[in-house]
Amino acid sequence: MFIFKCEGFNQEQATIQVTSLLWTESGEVTFSATDDNFACLLLTQCKSDSGGFFNLLAGCKPLLVEQWLEYLEEKQLIKKVSLEQVDYKETEYPLKLAFDDEHASTLLDMLYKIGNFNRLQVSRYLKNRNNITYLSTKYDKTDLQRYQQLGKAINFILRLKK
């Protein structure tokens, strides 16, 4: 996750958060500003060296946001830009991510598709995951490993929601 903090010359503040693991990977953008004019400055005619013009709020690459904000700073249209990178392994990542039920549901659906699971299979596994005898007779070793990985992913998603 990339969190850009911007400051204007009249104490205006803005935060642009891009939820992405890599500089070159597009991610969801969250934006907040304390001043309407400052927000308009940051969101109007966004351009970068490598990508040309882009729509910041539609979701974009952190690299493009950085290039745009550096341009504004060089032209002295904004006072200061700082960047905080939060690695997904850090303990405060879930708090900064602000993960909600809709995000969790979407992520779970993606995991089900990737692992070729359906909701009934997942429900059955979750219901019996503490019954090792049942699991060992119901699933072969490969399937059991797949379900255990899914269980770990679900627990991780639940941790993100907290």
Protein backbone atom coordinates (compact mmCIF):
# COMPACT_ATOMS: atom_id res chain seq x y z
CA MET A 1 0.00 0.00 0.00
CA PHE A 2 1.26 3.45 -0.89
CA ILE A 3 0.11 6.49 1.11
CA PHE A 4 0.97 9.90 -0.32
CA LYS A 5 0.54 12.88 2.00
CA CYS A 6 0.41 16.28 0.37
CA GLU A 7 0.61 19.71 1.95
CA GLY A 8 -0.31 23.02 0.36
CA PHE A 9 1.13 26.46 1.01
CA ASN A 10 -1.94 27.48 3.07
CA GLN A 11 -1.84 24.44 5.38
CA GLU A 12 -4.12 22.38 3.11
CA GLN A 13 -3.73 18.64 3.54
CA ALA A 14 -4.54 15.72 1.26
CA THR A 15 -4.00 11.99 1.41
CA ILE A 16 -3.91 9.67 -1.59
CA GLN A 17 -3.82 5.98 -0.76
CA VAL A 18 -3.18 3.40 -3.49
CA THR A 19 -3.81 -0.21 -2.50
CA SER A 20 -1.19 -2.01 -4.56
CA LEU A 21 1.72 -4.33 -3.86
CA LEU A 22 3.95 -3.01 -6.66
CA TRP A 23 4.81 0.44 -7.99
CA THR A 24 3.75 -0.61 -11.48
CA GLU A 25 0.49 -2.36 -10.50
CA SER A 26 -2.81 -0.48 -10.63
CA GLY A 27 -4.75 -0.38 -7.41
CA GLU A 28 -7.81 1.08 -5.78
CA VAL A 29 -7.40 4.73 -4.79
CA THR A 30 -8.74 6.46 -1.70
CA PHE A 31 -8.57 10.25 -1.63
CA SER A 32 -9.26 12.86 1.04
CA ALA A 33 -8.49 16.57 1.25
CA THR A 34 -9.14 19.40 3.68
CA ASP A 35 -9.72 22.02 0.99
CA ASP A 36 -11.79 21.91 -2.21
CA ASN A 37 -9.38 24.01 -4.27
CA PHE A 38 -6.43 21.90 -3.17
CA ALA A 39 -8.37 18.75 -4.09
CA CYS A 40 -9.12 20.17 -7.54
CA LEU A 41 -5.45 21.00 -8.07
CA LEU A 42 -4.42 17.44 -7.22
CA LEU A 43 -7.14 15.77 -9.30
CA THR A 44 -7.15 17.94 -12.44
CA GLN A 45 -5.16 17.06 -15.56
CA CYS A 46 -3.09 14.36 -13.83
CA LYS A 47 -0.16 13.37 -16.00
CA SER A 48 3.01 11.37 -15.69
CA ASP A 49 6.22 10.88 -17.62
CA SER A 50 5.49 7.26 -18.41
CA GLY A 51 1.71 7.14 -18.71
CA GLY A 52 0.53 10.46 -20.10
CA PHE A 53 -2.76 11.74 -18.71
CA PHE A 54 -4.59 9.50 -16.26
CA ASN A 55 -7.63 9.49 -14.00
CA LEU A 56 -6.32 9.29 -10.46
CA LEU A 57 -9.58 8.37 -8.73
CA ALA A 58 -10.43 5.55 -11.16
CA GLY A 59 -7.55 3.50 -9.79
CA CYS A 60 -3.99 3.86 -10.97
CA LYS A 61 -0.38 2.87 -10.44
CA PRO A 62 1.53 4.36 -7.50
CA LEU A 63 4.33 5.21 -9.95
CA LEU A 64 2.00 7.55 -11.87
CA VAL A 65 0.78 9.23 -8.68
CA GLU A 66 4.36 9.78 -7.52
CA GLN A 67 5.38 11.33 -10.85
CA TRP A 68 2.33 13.63 -10.83
CA LEU A 69 2.89 14.81 -7.27
CA GLU A 70 6.62 15.37 -7.87
CA TYR A 71 5.71 17.47 -10.92
CA LEU A 72 3.34 19.59 -8.81
CA GLU A 73 6.02 20.00 -6.16
CA GLU A 74 8.70 20.98 -8.72
CA LYS A 75 6.35 23.59 -10.21
CA GLN A 76 5.78 24.86 -6.65
CA LEU A 77 2.04 24.28 -6.87
CA ILE A 78 2.16 22.22 -3.67
CA LYS A 79 4.49 22.67 -0.72
CA LYS A 80 5.42 19.13 0.23
CA VAL A 81 4.81 15.47 -0.63
CA SER A 82 5.70 12.52 1.55
CA LEU A 83 5.29 8.82 0.93
CA GLU A 84 4.64 6.00 3.35
CA GLN A 85 4.81 2.45 2.06
CA VAL A 86 3.02 -0.16 4.15
CA ASP A 87 3.97 -3.76 3.49
CA TYR A 88 1.14 -6.29 3.71
CA LYS A 89 3.16 -8.23 6.31
CA GLU A 90 3.22 -5.32 8.76
CA THR A 91 0.87 -5.46 11.73
CA GLU A 92 -0.82 -2.10 10.99
CA TYR A 93 -1.61 -3.07 7.38
CA PRO A 94 -5.17 -4.25 8.15
CA LEU A 95 -5.95 -1.00 9.96
CA LYS A 96 -4.66 1.18 7.14
CA LEU A 97 -6.39 -0.98 4.52
CA ALA A 98 -9.81 -0.34 6.10
CA PHE A 99 -11.09 -3.66 4.75
CA ASP A 100 -14.89 -3.95 4.77
CA ASP A 101 -17.37 -6.79 4.26
CA GLU A 102 -17.76 -6.09 0.54
CA HIS A 103 -14.00 -6.28 -0.04
CA ALA A 104 -13.79 -9.49 1.98
CA SER A 105 -16.64 -11.08 0.04
CA THR A 106 -15.07 -10.14 -3.30
CA LEU A 107 -11.70 -11.52 -2.23
CA LEU A 108 -13.27 -14.77 -1.02
CA ASP A 109 -15.11 -15.20 -4.32
CA MET A 110 -11.82 -14.74 -6.18
CA LEU A 111 -10.14 -17.34 -3.96
CA TYR A 112 -12.96 -19.81 -4.57
CA LYS A 113 -12.57 -19.40 -8.34
CA ILE A 114 -8.78 -19.75 -8.24
CA GLY A 115 -8.94 -22.89 -6.12
CA ASN A 116 -11.93 -24.38 -7.97
CA PHE A 117 -14.06 -24.35 -4.80
CA ASN A 118 -17.77 -23.79 -4.56
CA ARG A 119 -19.59 -22.41 -1.52
CA LEU A 120 -20.98 -25.79 -0.49
CA GLN A 121 -17.49 -27.36 -0.44
CA VAL A 122 -16.12 -24.46 1.57
CA SER A 123 -19.01 -24.54 4.04
CA ARG A 124 -18.58 -28.28 4.53
CA TYR A 125 -14.84 -27.87 5.11
CA LEU A 126 -15.29 -24.99 7.57
CA LYS A 127 -17.92 -26.96 9.49
CA ASN A 128 -15.62 -29.99 9.85
CA ARG A 129 -12.17 -28.41 9.87
CA ASN A 130 -11.54 -29.39 13.50
CA ASN A 131 -12.57 -33.01 12.91
CA ILE A 132 -9.30 -34.48 11.59
CA THR A 133 -10.73 -38.01 11.33
CA TYR A 134 -13.57 -36.86 9.09
CA LEU A 135 -11.27 -34.76 6.91
CA SER A 136 -8.74 -37.56 6.43
CA THR A 137 -11.47 -39.96 5.24
CA LYS A 138 -13.30 -37.39 3.10
CA TYR A 139 -10.33 -35.85 1.26
CA ASP A 140 -7.12 -37.17 -0.23
CA LYS A 141 -3.81 -35.56 0.75
CA THR A 142 -3.78 -33.08 -2.14
CA ASP A 143 -7.35 -31.89 -1.55
CA LEU A 144 -6.76 -31.63 2.17
CA GLN A 145 -3.74 -29.39 1.54
CA ARG A 146 -5.84 -27.19 -0.79
CA TYR A 147 -8.55 -26.82 1.84
CA GLN A 148 -6.01 -26.07 4.57
CA GLN A 149 -4.52 -23.32 2.38
CA LEU A 150 -8.01 -21.95 1.81
CA GLY A 151 -8.60 -22.02 5.58
CA LYS A 152 -5.43 -19.99 6.12
CA ALA A 153 -6.53 -17.48 3.46
CA ILE A 154 -9.97 -17.12 5.06
CA ASN A 155 -8.40 -16.53 8.48
CA PHE A 156 -6.12 -13.89 6.94
CA ILE A 157 -9.11 -12.14 5.34
CA LEU A 158 -10.94 -12.17 8.66
CA ARG A 159 -7.88 -10.62 10.31
CA LEU A 160 -7.89 -7.87 7.67
CA LYS A 161 -11.50 -7.03 8.51
CA LYS A 162 -10.70 -6.37 12.19
